[in-house]
Amino acid sequence: MRGFFGRNLQRAGAVTAAASMALLGLTGVASAASGEAYASGTGVFGSANWVWTKSGFNTANVAVRDTKCDAHKVFVFFEVKRTTGQIYQTKHRENGGGCGSTASWSDLTYDAGYYVKAVRVVTCVDGGNCFRSTYQDNPLT
């Protein structure tokens, strides 16, 4: 009987170790959650991707393209919604290159100093309309 219990105890330990490793693997994926969005309309197209943090994002890549030959600059930024409901805008990044040009920025960060619920990408034509993506929810908050 002693051998029977010893083998089962050994198997239970192996199963527990495997389950722990699987859980650690899932935790690693959740801590590197990423987001992406785009916003476009007449004269402008913008896109972004980022890695979430609880209070914002990091390693963000943003691009904005002028899709209309109308001598108007285009720009892109994020609207950040905190868990309290307040909405803030990040720095506006401008593309003044003209018809068909694209401007991009990489490795951007944003820290609200408080939990961030969601973000969305906003693109605008200078002196014209702005276009917004849907909010992307932060899976870490």
Protein backbone atom coordinates (compact mmCIF):
# COMPACT_ATOMS: atom_id res chain seq x y z
CA MET A 1 0.00 0.00 0.00
CA ARG A 2 2.83 2.35 0.75
CA GLY A 3 3.97 2.27 -2.90
CA PHE A 4 0.44 3.07 -4.11
CA PHE A 5 0.17 6.24 -1.97
CA GLY A 6 3.73 7.29 -2.78
CA ARG A 7 3.08 7.04 -6.56
CA ASN A 8 -0.20 9.00 -6.30
CA LEU A 9 1.45 11.67 -4.19
CA GLN A 10 4.24 11.92 -6.75
CA ARG A 11 1.68 12.23 -9.61
CA ALA A 12 -0.26 14.88 -7.70
CA GLY A 13 2.97 16.88 -7.28
CA ALA A 14 3.69 16.66 -11.02
CA VAL A 15 0.15 17.79 -11.90
CA THR A 16 0.39 20.70 -9.45
CA ALA A 17 3.74 21.76 -10.92
CA ALA A 18 2.35 21.62 -14.48
CA ALA A 19 -0.72 23.66 -13.49
CA SER A 20 1.48 26.25 -11.77
CA MET A 21 3.66 26.59 -14.88
CA ALA A 22 0.58 27.04 -17.08
CA LEU A 23 -0.77 29.73 -14.76
CA LEU A 24 2.57 31.56 -14.79
CA GLY A 25 2.52 31.45 -18.58
CA LEU A 26 -0.93 33.03 -18.67
CA THR A 27 0.11 35.70 -16.21
CA GLY A 28 3.02 36.65 -18.49
CA VAL A 29 0.67 37.10 -21.43
CA ALA A 30 -1.75 39.26 -19.43
CA SER A 31 1.02 41.56 -18.23
CA ALA A 32 2.02 42.26 -21.84
CA ALA A 33 -1.47 43.12 -23.07
CA SER A 34 -1.50 45.26 -26.19
CA GLY A 35 -3.99 47.48 -27.92
CA GLU A 36 -4.49 48.99 -31.35
CA ALA A 37 -6.92 51.33 -33.07
CA TYR A 38 -7.35 53.54 -36.10
CA ALA A 39 -9.41 56.59 -36.96
CA SER A 40 -10.06 57.98 -40.42
CA GLY A 41 -12.27 60.33 -42.35
CA THR A 42 -12.16 62.77 -45.24
CA GLY A 43 -8.55 63.86 -45.64
CA VAL A 44 -6.91 61.86 -42.86
CA PHE A 45 -6.04 58.33 -41.69
CA GLY A 46 -4.33 57.54 -38.39
CA SER A 47 -3.39 54.37 -36.56
CA ALA A 48 -1.70 53.36 -33.33
CA ASN A 49 -0.64 50.33 -31.33
CA TRP A 50 0.64 50.16 -27.76
CA VAL A 51 1.34 48.01 -24.69
CA TRP A 52 -1.00 48.64 -21.76
CA THR A 53 0.00 49.59 -18.23
CA LYS A 54 -2.50 50.14 -15.42
CA SER A 55 -2.03 53.91 -15.64
CA GLY A 56 -1.63 54.29 -19.41
CA PHE A 57 0.57 52.73 -22.05
CA ASN A 58 4.11 52.44 -23.35
CA THR A 59 5.97 51.47 -26.52
CA ALA A 60 3.22 53.12 -28.55
CA ASN A 61 3.61 53.58 -32.30
CA VAL A 62 1.48 56.25 -34.00
CA ALA A 63 1.13 57.31 -37.64
CA VAL A 64 -1.03 59.84 -39.48
CA ARG A 65 -1.48 60.18 -43.24
CA ASP A 66 -2.73 63.17 -45.21
CA THR A 67 -5.14 61.62 -47.73
CA LYS A 68 -6.38 64.76 -49.44
CA CYS A 69 -4.53 67.39 -51.45
CA ASP A 70 -6.11 70.40 -49.77
CA ALA A 71 -3.14 72.21 -48.13
CA HIS A 72 -4.42 71.38 -44.63
CA LYS A 73 -2.18 69.77 -42.02
CA VAL A 74 -3.40 66.63 -40.25
CA PHE A 75 -2.74 65.44 -36.72
CA VAL A 76 -3.28 62.52 -34.37
CA PHE A 77 -3.55 62.07 -30.60
CA PHE A 78 -5.09 59.80 -27.95
CA GLU A 79 -8.10 60.50 -25.75
CA VAL A 80 -7.49 58.77 -22.43
CA LYS A 81 -10.43 57.86 -20.17
CA ARG A 82 -9.55 57.32 -16.52
CA THR A 83 -11.54 54.96 -14.32
CA THR A 84 -13.04 58.08 -12.68
CA GLY A 85 -14.62 59.02 -16.04
CA GLN A 86 -12.38 62.02 -16.74
CA ILE A 87 -11.01 62.27 -20.30
CA TYR A 88 -7.61 63.70 -21.15
CA GLN A 89 -5.83 64.30 -24.45
CA THR A 90 -2.24 63.36 -25.13
CA LYS A 91 0.12 65.55 -27.12
CA HIS A 92 -1.10 66.30 -30.65
CA ARG A 93 1.33 65.04 -33.28
CA GLU A 94 1.20 66.90 -36.57
CA ASN A 95 1.90 65.94 -40.18
CA GLY A 96 2.46 69.03 -42.33
CA GLY A 97 4.04 67.11 -45.22
CA GLY A 98 1.11 67.58 -47.58
CA CYS A 99 -0.72 65.41 -50.05
CA GLY A 100 -0.15 61.68 -49.51
CA SER A 101 2.52 62.10 -46.82
CA THR A 102 2.70 60.00 -43.66
CA ALA A 103 4.36 60.98 -40.39
CA SER A 104 5.04 58.47 -37.62
CA TRP A 105 6.34 58.36 -34.06
CA SER A 106 7.49 55.37 -32.04
CA ASP A 107 8.22 54.34 -28.47
CA LEU A 108 5.76 56.84 -27.00
CA THR A 109 4.55 56.56 -23.40
CA TYR A 110 1.69 58.00 -21.38
CA ASP A 111 1.15 57.78 -17.63
CA ALA A 112 -2.06 59.29 -16.24
CA GLY A 113 -0.88 58.88 -12.66
CA TYR A 114 -4.13 57.04 -12.05
CA TYR A 115 -5.85 53.94 -13.46
CA VAL A 116 -6.76 54.23 -17.14
CA LYS A 117 -10.00 52.59 -18.24
CA ALA A 118 -9.70 53.03 -22.02
CA VAL A 119 -8.10 54.99 -24.85
CA ARG A 120 -9.08 55.91 -28.37
CA VAL A 121 -7.24 57.35 -31.34
CA VAL A 122 -8.32 60.73 -32.74
CA THR A 123 -7.30 62.14 -36.13
CA CYS A 124 -8.08 65.66 -37.31
CA VAL A 125 -7.70 67.89 -40.33
CA ASP A 126 -6.42 71.34 -39.34
CA GLY A 127 -9.39 73.72 -39.57
CA GLY A 128 -11.73 70.79 -40.27
CA ASN A 129 -13.24 67.70 -38.71
CA CYS A 130 -11.91 65.18 -36.22
CA PHE A 131 -12.54 61.44 -36.40
CA ARG A 132 -12.42 59.02 -33.46
CA SER A 133 -11.90 55.30 -33.09
CA THR A 134 -14.00 53.37 -30.61
CA TYR A 135 -12.59 53.22 -27.09
CA GLN A 136 -10.25 50.31 -26.48
CA ASP A 137 -10.66 48.97 -22.93
CA ASN A 138 -7.62 48.49 -20.75
CA PRO A 139 -7.57 44.80 -19.70
CA LEU A 140 -5.34 45.61 -16.70
CA THR A 141 -7.89 47.80 -14.87
